[in-house]
């Protein structure tokens, strides 16, 4: 009887050793063999899908950094921190519209900058401030491609934004720095992209609009 018990214990230890922890690759290989033999579903033989690689040309282009501004640029979008708020903005080039979403003052704030019925280009950012509303209007007030400047009317102030690129490539600014004075205080930011004047204006509405609001 003792001999039988010892033999059974030995067999149990062998089974435990075989069925002990295995790596994901070992499980994959084992399942692959079993699936081929029709013993497990084919789906069980697959490893979890890897993250889909970002399509070429749509990777994180670079940083957006400046006066109380820390963001990332992706395609025609920017996201990050701007002057005490969290900001996401996207320039829909095909539609000619920029969309801004901002989390600030314990609120989620949305705005669009687009061509209005009176042909002006811009929009209004609105949020509540107790029993009143906080309003920031941002509209294009002119541009000079030769001087590499554009003007934004932010509320009642005309703000001149100067573009200083590291170089030019095919009519696009390479790693441009944008400088302005708002309310008597200098504000600047640099975007690690290649962008045209139109892109610069739309990003200016998003970034400087959210900065001011």
C-alpha atoms as a PDB file:
ATOM      1  CA  UNK A   1       0.000   0.000   0.000  1.00  0.00           C
ATOM      2  CA  UNK A   2       2.841   2.364   0.919  1.00  0.00           C
ATOM      3  CA  UNK A   3       4.515   1.664  -2.415  1.00  0.00           C
ATOM      4  CA  UNK A   4       1.293   2.536  -4.278  1.00  0.00           C
ATOM      5  CA  UNK A   5       0.974   5.873  -2.428  1.00  0.00           C
ATOM      6  CA  UNK A   6       4.600   6.767  -3.175  1.00  0.00           C
ATOM      7  CA  UNK A   7       4.124   6.019  -6.863  1.00  0.00           C
ATOM      8  CA  UNK A   8       0.959   8.129  -7.011  1.00  0.00           C
ATOM      9  CA  UNK A   9       2.684  11.065  -5.275  1.00  0.00           C
ATOM     10  CA  UNK A  10       5.532  10.847  -7.774  1.00  0.00           C
ATOM     11  CA  UNK A  11       3.104  10.958 -10.678  1.00  0.00           C
ATOM     12  CA  UNK A  12       1.310  13.959  -9.143  1.00  0.00           C
ATOM     13  CA  UNK A  13       4.600  15.871  -8.844  1.00  0.00           C
ATOM     14  CA  UNK A  14       5.396  15.172 -12.487  1.00  0.00           C
ATOM     15  CA  UNK A  15       1.978  16.448 -13.579  1.00  0.00           C
ATOM     16  CA  UNK A  16       2.432  19.636 -11.504  1.00  0.00           C
ATOM     17  CA  UNK A  17       5.856  20.218 -12.995  1.00  0.00           C
ATOM     18  CA  UNK A  18       4.511  19.867 -16.524  1.00  0.00           C
ATOM     19  CA  UNK A  19       1.506  22.102 -15.875  1.00  0.00           C
ATOM     20  CA  UNK A  20       3.455  24.798 -13.996  1.00  0.00           C
ATOM     21  CA  UNK A  21       3.856  28.420 -15.121  1.00  0.00           C
ATOM     22  CA  UNK A  22       4.767  28.876 -18.783  1.00  0.00           C
ATOM     23  CA  UNK A  23       5.632  31.942 -20.823  1.00  0.00           C
ATOM     24  CA  UNK A  24       3.224  33.594 -23.235  1.00  0.00           C
ATOM     25  CA  UNK A  25       5.336  32.327 -26.128  1.00  0.00           C
ATOM     26  CA  UNK A  26       5.205  28.753 -24.811  1.00  0.00           C
ATOM     27  CA  UNK A  27       1.431  28.996 -24.498  1.00  0.00           C
ATOM     28  CA  UNK A  28       1.238  30.358 -28.030  1.00  0.00           C
ATOM     29  CA  UNK A  29       3.353  27.535 -29.428  1.00  0.00           C
ATOM     30  CA  UNK A  30       1.417  24.916 -27.468  1.00  0.00           C
ATOM     31  CA  UNK A  31      -1.940  26.337 -28.550  1.00  0.00           C
ATOM     32  CA  UNK A  32      -0.730  26.537 -32.128  1.00  0.00           C
ATOM     33  CA  UNK A  33       0.041  22.816 -32.137  1.00  0.00           C
ATOM     34  CA  UNK A  34      -3.273  21.977 -30.480  1.00  0.00           C
ATOM     35  CA  UNK A  35      -5.195  24.216 -32.874  1.00  0.00           C
ATOM     36  CA  UNK A  36      -3.549  22.528 -35.840  1.00  0.00           C
ATOM     37  CA  UNK A  37      -4.697  19.216 -34.439  1.00  0.00           C
ATOM     38  CA  UNK A  38      -8.228  20.552 -34.027  1.00  0.00           C
ATOM     39  CA  UNK A  39      -8.085  20.316 -30.227  1.00  0.00           C
ATOM     40  CA  UNK A  40      -8.595  24.043 -29.426  1.00  0.00           C
ATOM     41  CA  UNK A  41     -10.278  26.873 -31.348  1.00  0.00           C
ATOM     42  CA  UNK A  42      -7.961  28.695 -33.728  1.00  0.00           C
ATOM     43  CA  UNK A  43      -8.683  32.006 -31.934  1.00  0.00           C
ATOM     44  CA  UNK A  44      -7.122  30.636 -28.747  1.00  0.00           C
ATOM     45  CA  UNK A  45      -3.856  30.119 -30.596  1.00  0.00           C
ATOM     46  CA  UNK A  46      -3.440  33.826 -31.308  1.00  0.00           C
ATOM     47  CA  UNK A  47      -1.441  36.217 -29.188  1.00  0.00           C
ATOM     48  CA  UNK A  48      -3.188  39.445 -28.115  1.00  0.00           C
ATOM     49  CA  UNK A  49      -3.025  41.890 -31.051  1.00  0.00           C
ATOM     50  CA  UNK A  50      -0.115  44.304 -30.970  1.00  0.00           C
ATOM     51  CA  UNK A  51      -0.760  48.053 -30.974  1.00  0.00           C
ATOM     52  CA  UNK A  52      -1.344  49.230 -34.522  1.00  0.00           C
ATOM     53  CA  UNK A  53       1.625  51.313 -35.648  1.00  0.00           C
ATOM     54  CA  UNK A  54       0.924  54.956 -36.388  1.00  0.00           C
ATOM     55  CA  UNK A  55       0.532  55.592 -40.091  1.00  0.00           C
ATOM     56  CA  UNK A  56       3.563  57.161 -41.803  1.00  0.00           C
ATOM     57  CA  UNK A  57       3.665  60.936 -41.535  1.00  0.00           C
ATOM     58  CA  UNK A  58       1.140  61.011 -38.692  1.00  0.00           C
ATOM     59  CA  UNK A  59       3.460  60.444 -35.753  1.00  0.00           C
ATOM     60  CA  UNK A  60       4.028  62.918 -32.942  1.00  0.00           C
ATOM     61  CA  UNK A  61       5.729  65.687 -34.869  1.00  0.00           C
ATOM     62  CA  UNK A  62       7.207  67.515 -31.940  1.00  0.00           C
ATOM     63  CA  UNK A  63       6.840  69.810 -28.989  1.00  0.00           C
ATOM     64  CA  UNK A  64       4.960  73.043 -28.572  1.00  0.00           C
ATOM     65  CA  UNK A  65       6.646  75.094 -25.886  1.00  0.00           C
ATOM     66  CA  UNK A  66       6.522  78.691 -24.727  1.00  0.00           C
ATOM     67  CA  UNK A  67       5.116  81.106 -22.156  1.00  0.00           C
ATOM     68  CA  UNK A  68       3.110  78.836 -19.829  1.00  0.00           C
ATOM     69  CA  UNK A  69       2.597  76.552 -22.835  1.00  0.00           C
ATOM     70  CA  UNK A  70       3.600  72.873 -22.947  1.00  0.00           C
ATOM     71  CA  UNK A  71       1.985  70.792 -25.692  1.00  0.00           C
ATOM     72  CA  UNK A  72       2.480  68.113 -28.330  1.00  0.00           C
ATOM     73  CA  UNK A  73       1.695  68.414 -32.030  1.00  0.00           C
ATOM     74  CA  UNK A  74       0.165  65.567 -34.061  1.00  0.00           C
ATOM     75  CA  UNK A  75      -0.950  66.003 -37.657  1.00  0.00           C
ATOM     76  CA  UNK A  76      -3.042  69.221 -37.504  1.00  0.00           C
ATOM     77  CA  UNK A  77      -3.769  68.838 -33.790  1.00  0.00           C
ATOM     78  CA  UNK A  78      -2.194  70.116 -30.590  1.00  0.00           C
ATOM     79  CA  UNK A  79      -2.821  69.041 -27.015  1.00  0.00           C
ATOM     80  CA  UNK A  80      -1.421  69.931 -23.624  1.00  0.00           C
ATOM     81  CA  UNK A  81      -1.310  72.639 -20.979  1.00  0.00           C
ATOM     82  CA  UNK A  82      -1.888  76.311 -21.777  1.00  0.00           C
ATOM     83  CA  UNK A  83      -1.820  78.978 -19.062  1.00  0.00           C
ATOM     84  CA  UNK A  84      -3.547  76.947 -16.350  1.00  0.00           C
ATOM     85  CA  UNK A  85      -5.895  74.910 -18.548  1.00  0.00           C
ATOM     86  CA  UNK A  86      -5.833  71.627 -20.460  1.00  0.00           C
ATOM     87  CA  UNK A  87      -6.309  72.237 -24.170  1.00  0.00           C
ATOM     88  CA  UNK A  88      -6.997  70.149 -27.267  1.00  0.00           C
ATOM     89  CA  UNK A  89      -7.270  71.790 -30.666  1.00  0.00           C
ATOM     90  CA  UNK A  90      -7.598  70.553 -34.247  1.00  0.00           C
ATOM     91  CA  UNK A  91      -7.425  72.402 -37.543  1.00  0.00           C
ATOM     92  CA  UNK A  92      -9.669  70.721 -40.108  1.00  0.00           C
ATOM     93  CA  UNK A  93      -7.906  71.975 -43.214  1.00  0.00           C
ATOM     94  CA  UNK A  94     -10.520  70.605 -45.621  1.00  0.00           C
ATOM     95  CA  UNK A  95     -13.342  72.436 -43.840  1.00  0.00           C
ATOM     96  CA  UNK A  96     -11.273  75.487 -42.938  1.00  0.00           C
ATOM     97  CA  UNK A  97     -12.397  75.175 -39.318  1.00  0.00           C
ATOM     98  CA  UNK A  98     -10.454  74.953 -36.066  1.00  0.00           C
ATOM     99  CA  UNK A  99     -12.016  73.288 -33.048  1.00  0.00           C
ATOM    100  CA  UNK A 100     -10.982  73.988 -29.476  1.00  0.00           C
ATOM    101  CA  UNK A 101     -11.815  71.983 -26.361  1.00  0.00           C
ATOM    102  CA  UNK A 102     -10.484  73.264 -23.061  1.00  0.00           C
ATOM    103  CA  UNK A 103     -10.798  72.166 -19.440  1.00  0.00           C
ATOM    104  CA  UNK A 104     -10.453  75.239 -17.226  1.00  0.00           C
ATOM    105  CA  UNK A 105     -12.319  76.883 -14.339  1.00  0.00           C
ATOM    106  CA  UNK A 106     -13.775  73.410 -13.519  1.00  0.00           C
ATOM    107  CA  UNK A 107     -15.598  73.483 -16.865  1.00  0.00           C
ATOM    108  CA  UNK A 108     -15.297  71.885 -20.275  1.00  0.00           C
ATOM    109  CA  UNK A 109     -15.247  74.728 -22.790  1.00  0.00           C
ATOM    110  CA  UNK A 110     -15.687  74.361 -26.556  1.00  0.00           C
ATOM    111  CA  UNK A 111     -15.301  76.800 -29.431  1.00  0.00           C
ATOM    112  CA  UNK A 112     -14.920  76.895 -33.214  1.00  0.00           C
ATOM    113  CA  UNK A 113     -12.934  79.299 -35.351  1.00  0.00           C
ATOM    114  CA  UNK A 114     -14.359  79.459 -38.859  1.00  0.00           C
ATOM    115  CA  UNK A 115     -15.597  81.716 -41.654  1.00  0.00           C
ATOM    116  CA  UNK A 116     -18.647  83.594 -40.376  1.00  0.00           C
ATOM    117  CA  UNK A 117     -21.644  84.875 -42.343  1.00  0.00           C
ATOM    118  CA  UNK A 118     -20.066  88.331 -42.550  1.00  0.00           C
ATOM    119  CA  UNK A 119     -16.938  86.713 -44.117  1.00  0.00           C
ATOM    120  CA  UNK A 120     -14.808  87.286 -41.005  1.00  0.00           C
ATOM    121  CA  UNK A 121     -12.660  84.399 -39.756  1.00  0.00           C
ATOM    122  CA  UNK A 122     -12.710  83.528 -36.065  1.00  0.00           C
ATOM    123  CA  UNK A 123     -14.934  82.589 -33.168  1.00  0.00           C
ATOM    124  CA  UNK A 124     -15.892  83.160 -29.559  1.00  0.00           C
ATOM    125  CA  UNK A 125     -14.855  81.224 -26.438  1.00  0.00           C
ATOM    126  CA  UNK A 126     -17.478  81.336 -23.683  1.00  0.00           C
ATOM    127  CA  UNK A 127     -17.539  80.005 -20.118  1.00  0.00           C
ATOM    128  CA  UNK A 128     -19.388  80.842 -16.921  1.00  0.00           C
ATOM    129  CA  UNK A 129     -17.893  82.905 -14.119  1.00  0.00           C
ATOM    130  CA  UNK A 130     -20.318  82.693 -11.244  1.00  0.00           C
ATOM    131  CA  UNK A 131     -23.502  84.402 -12.401  1.00  0.00           C
ATOM    132  CA  UNK A 132     -21.780  86.038 -15.381  1.00  0.00           C
ATOM    133  CA  UNK A 133     -20.128  84.836 -18.566  1.00  0.00           C
ATOM    134  CA  UNK A 134     -16.441  85.014 -19.471  1.00  0.00           C
ATOM    135  CA  UNK A 135     -16.156  85.759 -23.194  1.00  0.00           C
ATOM    136  CA  UNK A 136     -13.056  85.829 -25.402  1.00  0.00           C
ATOM    137  CA  UNK A 137     -13.546  86.654 -29.071  1.00  0.00           C
ATOM    138  CA  UNK A 138     -10.717  85.828 -31.478  1.00  0.00           C
ATOM    139  CA  UNK A 139     -10.836  87.005 -35.097  1.00  0.00           C
ATOM    140  CA  UNK A 140      -8.295  87.415 -37.868  1.00  0.00           C
ATOM    141  CA  UNK A 141      -7.568  91.121 -38.453  1.00  0.00           C
ATOM    142  CA  UNK A 142      -5.076  90.830 -41.314  1.00  0.00           C
ATOM    143  CA  UNK A 143      -1.922  89.035 -42.446  1.00  0.00           C
ATOM    144  CA  UNK A 144       1.294  89.923 -44.252  1.00  0.00           C
ATOM    145  CA  UNK A 145       3.056  86.935 -45.816  1.00  0.00           C
ATOM    146  CA  UNK A 146       6.098  89.013 -46.783  1.00  0.00           C
ATOM    147  CA  UNK A 147       6.641  90.337 -43.255  1.00  0.00           C
ATOM    148  CA  UNK A 148       5.629  86.943 -41.801  1.00  0.00           C
ATOM    149  CA  UNK A 149       3.056  88.448 -39.482  1.00  0.00           C
ATOM    150  CA  UNK A 150      -0.658  88.129 -38.836  1.00  0.00           C
ATOM    151  CA  UNK A 151      -3.020  90.131 -36.646  1.00  0.00           C
ATOM    152  CA  UNK A 152      -5.620  88.695 -34.309  1.00  0.00           C
ATOM    153  CA  UNK A 153      -8.308  90.837 -32.737  1.00  0.00           C
ATOM    154  CA  UNK A 154      -8.620  89.338 -29.270  1.00  0.00           C
ATOM    155  CA  UNK A 155     -11.599  91.028 -27.677  1.00  0.00           C
ATOM    156  CA  UNK A 156     -10.902  94.722 -28.366  1.00  0.00           C
ATOM    157  CA  UNK A 157      -7.112  94.394 -28.701  1.00  0.00           C
ATOM    158  CA  UNK A 158      -5.366  93.929 -32.049  1.00  0.00           C
ATOM    159  CA  UNK A 159      -2.478  91.540 -31.422  1.00  0.00           C
ATOM    160  CA  UNK A 160       0.321  91.290 -33.975  1.00  0.00           C
ATOM    161  CA  UNK A 161       1.885  87.825 -34.130  1.00  0.00           C
ATOM    162  CA  UNK A 162       5.361  87.633 -35.663  1.00  0.00           C
ATOM    163  CA  UNK A 163       6.502  84.327 -37.169  1.00  0.00           C
ATOM    164  CA  UNK A 164      10.212  83.505 -36.926  1.00  0.00           C
ATOM    165  CA  UNK A 165      11.028  80.144 -38.547  1.00  0.00           C
ATOM    166  CA  UNK A 166      14.347  78.334 -38.373  1.00  0.00           C
ATOM    167  CA  UNK A 167      14.178  78.022 -42.159  1.00  0.00           C
ATOM    168  CA  UNK A 168      11.723  77.690 -45.046  1.00  0.00           C
ATOM    169  CA  UNK A 169      10.806  74.566 -46.993  1.00  0.00           C
ATOM    170  CA  UNK A 170       8.411  74.638 -49.927  1.00  0.00           C
ATOM    171  CA  UNK A 171       6.682  77.766 -48.667  1.00  0.00           C
ATOM    172  CA  UNK A 172       6.315  76.310 -45.165  1.00  0.00           C
ATOM    173  CA  UNK A 173       7.797  77.608 -41.925  1.00  0.00           C
ATOM    174  CA  UNK A 174      10.179  75.107 -40.328  1.00  0.00           C
ATOM    175  CA  UNK A 175      10.032  74.996 -36.513  1.00  0.00           C
ATOM    176  CA  UNK A 176       8.496  78.465 -36.260  1.00  0.00           C
ATOM    177  CA  UNK A 177       8.421  80.638 -33.148  1.00  0.00           C
ATOM    178  CA  UNK A 178       5.378  82.900 -32.724  1.00  0.00           C
ATOM    179  CA  UNK A 179       5.758  86.093 -30.693  1.00  0.00           C
ATOM    180  CA  UNK A 180       3.092  88.559 -29.549  1.00  0.00           C
ATOM    181  CA  UNK A 181       2.209  91.021 -26.802  1.00  0.00           C
ATOM    182  CA  UNK A 182      -1.185  90.531 -25.122  1.00  0.00           C
ATOM    183  CA  UNK A 183      -2.367  92.953 -22.489  1.00  0.00           C
ATOM    184  CA  UNK A 184       1.095  94.473 -22.319  1.00  0.00           C
ATOM    185  CA  UNK A 185       2.764  91.091 -21.613  1.00  0.00           C
ATOM    186  CA  UNK A 186       4.971  89.204 -24.101  1.00  0.00           C
ATOM    187  CA  UNK A 187       3.792  85.730 -25.097  1.00  0.00           C
ATOM    188  CA  UNK A 188       5.676  83.356 -27.384  1.00  0.00           C
ATOM    189  CA  UNK A 189       5.613  79.704 -28.365  1.00  0.00           C
ATOM    190  CA  UNK A 190       7.518  77.428 -30.732  1.00  0.00           C
ATOM    191  CA  UNK A 191       6.017  74.540 -32.707  1.00  0.00           C
ATOM    192  CA  UNK A 192       8.258  71.800 -34.080  1.00  0.00           C
ATOM    193  CA  UNK A 193       6.459  71.459 -37.426  1.00  0.00           C
ATOM    194  CA  UNK A 194       6.504  72.580 -41.032  1.00  0.00           C
ATOM    195  CA  UNK A 195       3.451  74.779 -41.419  1.00  0.00           C
ATOM    196  CA  UNK A 196       2.111  77.439 -43.762  1.00  0.00           C
ATOM    197  CA  UNK A 197       0.707  80.842 -42.837  1.00  0.00           C
ATOM    198  CA  UNK A 198      -2.849  79.476 -42.802  1.00  0.00           C
ATOM    199  CA  UNK A 199      -1.855  76.757 -40.340  1.00  0.00           C
ATOM    200  CA  UNK A 200      -0.079  79.391 -38.244  1.00  0.00           C
ATOM    201  CA  UNK A 201      -3.191  81.566 -38.063  1.00  0.00           C
ATOM    202  CA  UNK A 202      -5.439  78.679 -37.042  1.00  0.00           C
ATOM    203  CA  UNK A 203      -2.986  77.456 -34.400  1.00  0.00           C
ATOM    204  CA  UNK A 204      -2.687  81.047 -33.195  1.00  0.00           C
ATOM    205  CA  UNK A 205      -6.439  81.237 -32.661  1.00  0.00           C
ATOM    206  CA  UNK A 206      -6.396  77.981 -30.702  1.00  0.00           C
ATOM    207  CA  UNK A 207      -3.313  78.630 -28.592  1.00  0.00           C
ATOM    208  CA  UNK A 208      -3.572  82.381 -28.010  1.00  0.00           C
ATOM    209  CA  UNK A 209      -7.343  82.195 -27.641  1.00  0.00           C
ATOM    210  CA  UNK A 210      -7.101  79.539 -24.923  1.00  0.00           C
ATOM    211  CA  UNK A 211      -4.155  81.386 -23.370  1.00  0.00           C
ATOM    212  CA  UNK A 212      -6.169  84.593 -23.043  1.00  0.00           C
ATOM    213  CA  UNK A 213      -9.460  83.073 -21.899  1.00  0.00           C
END
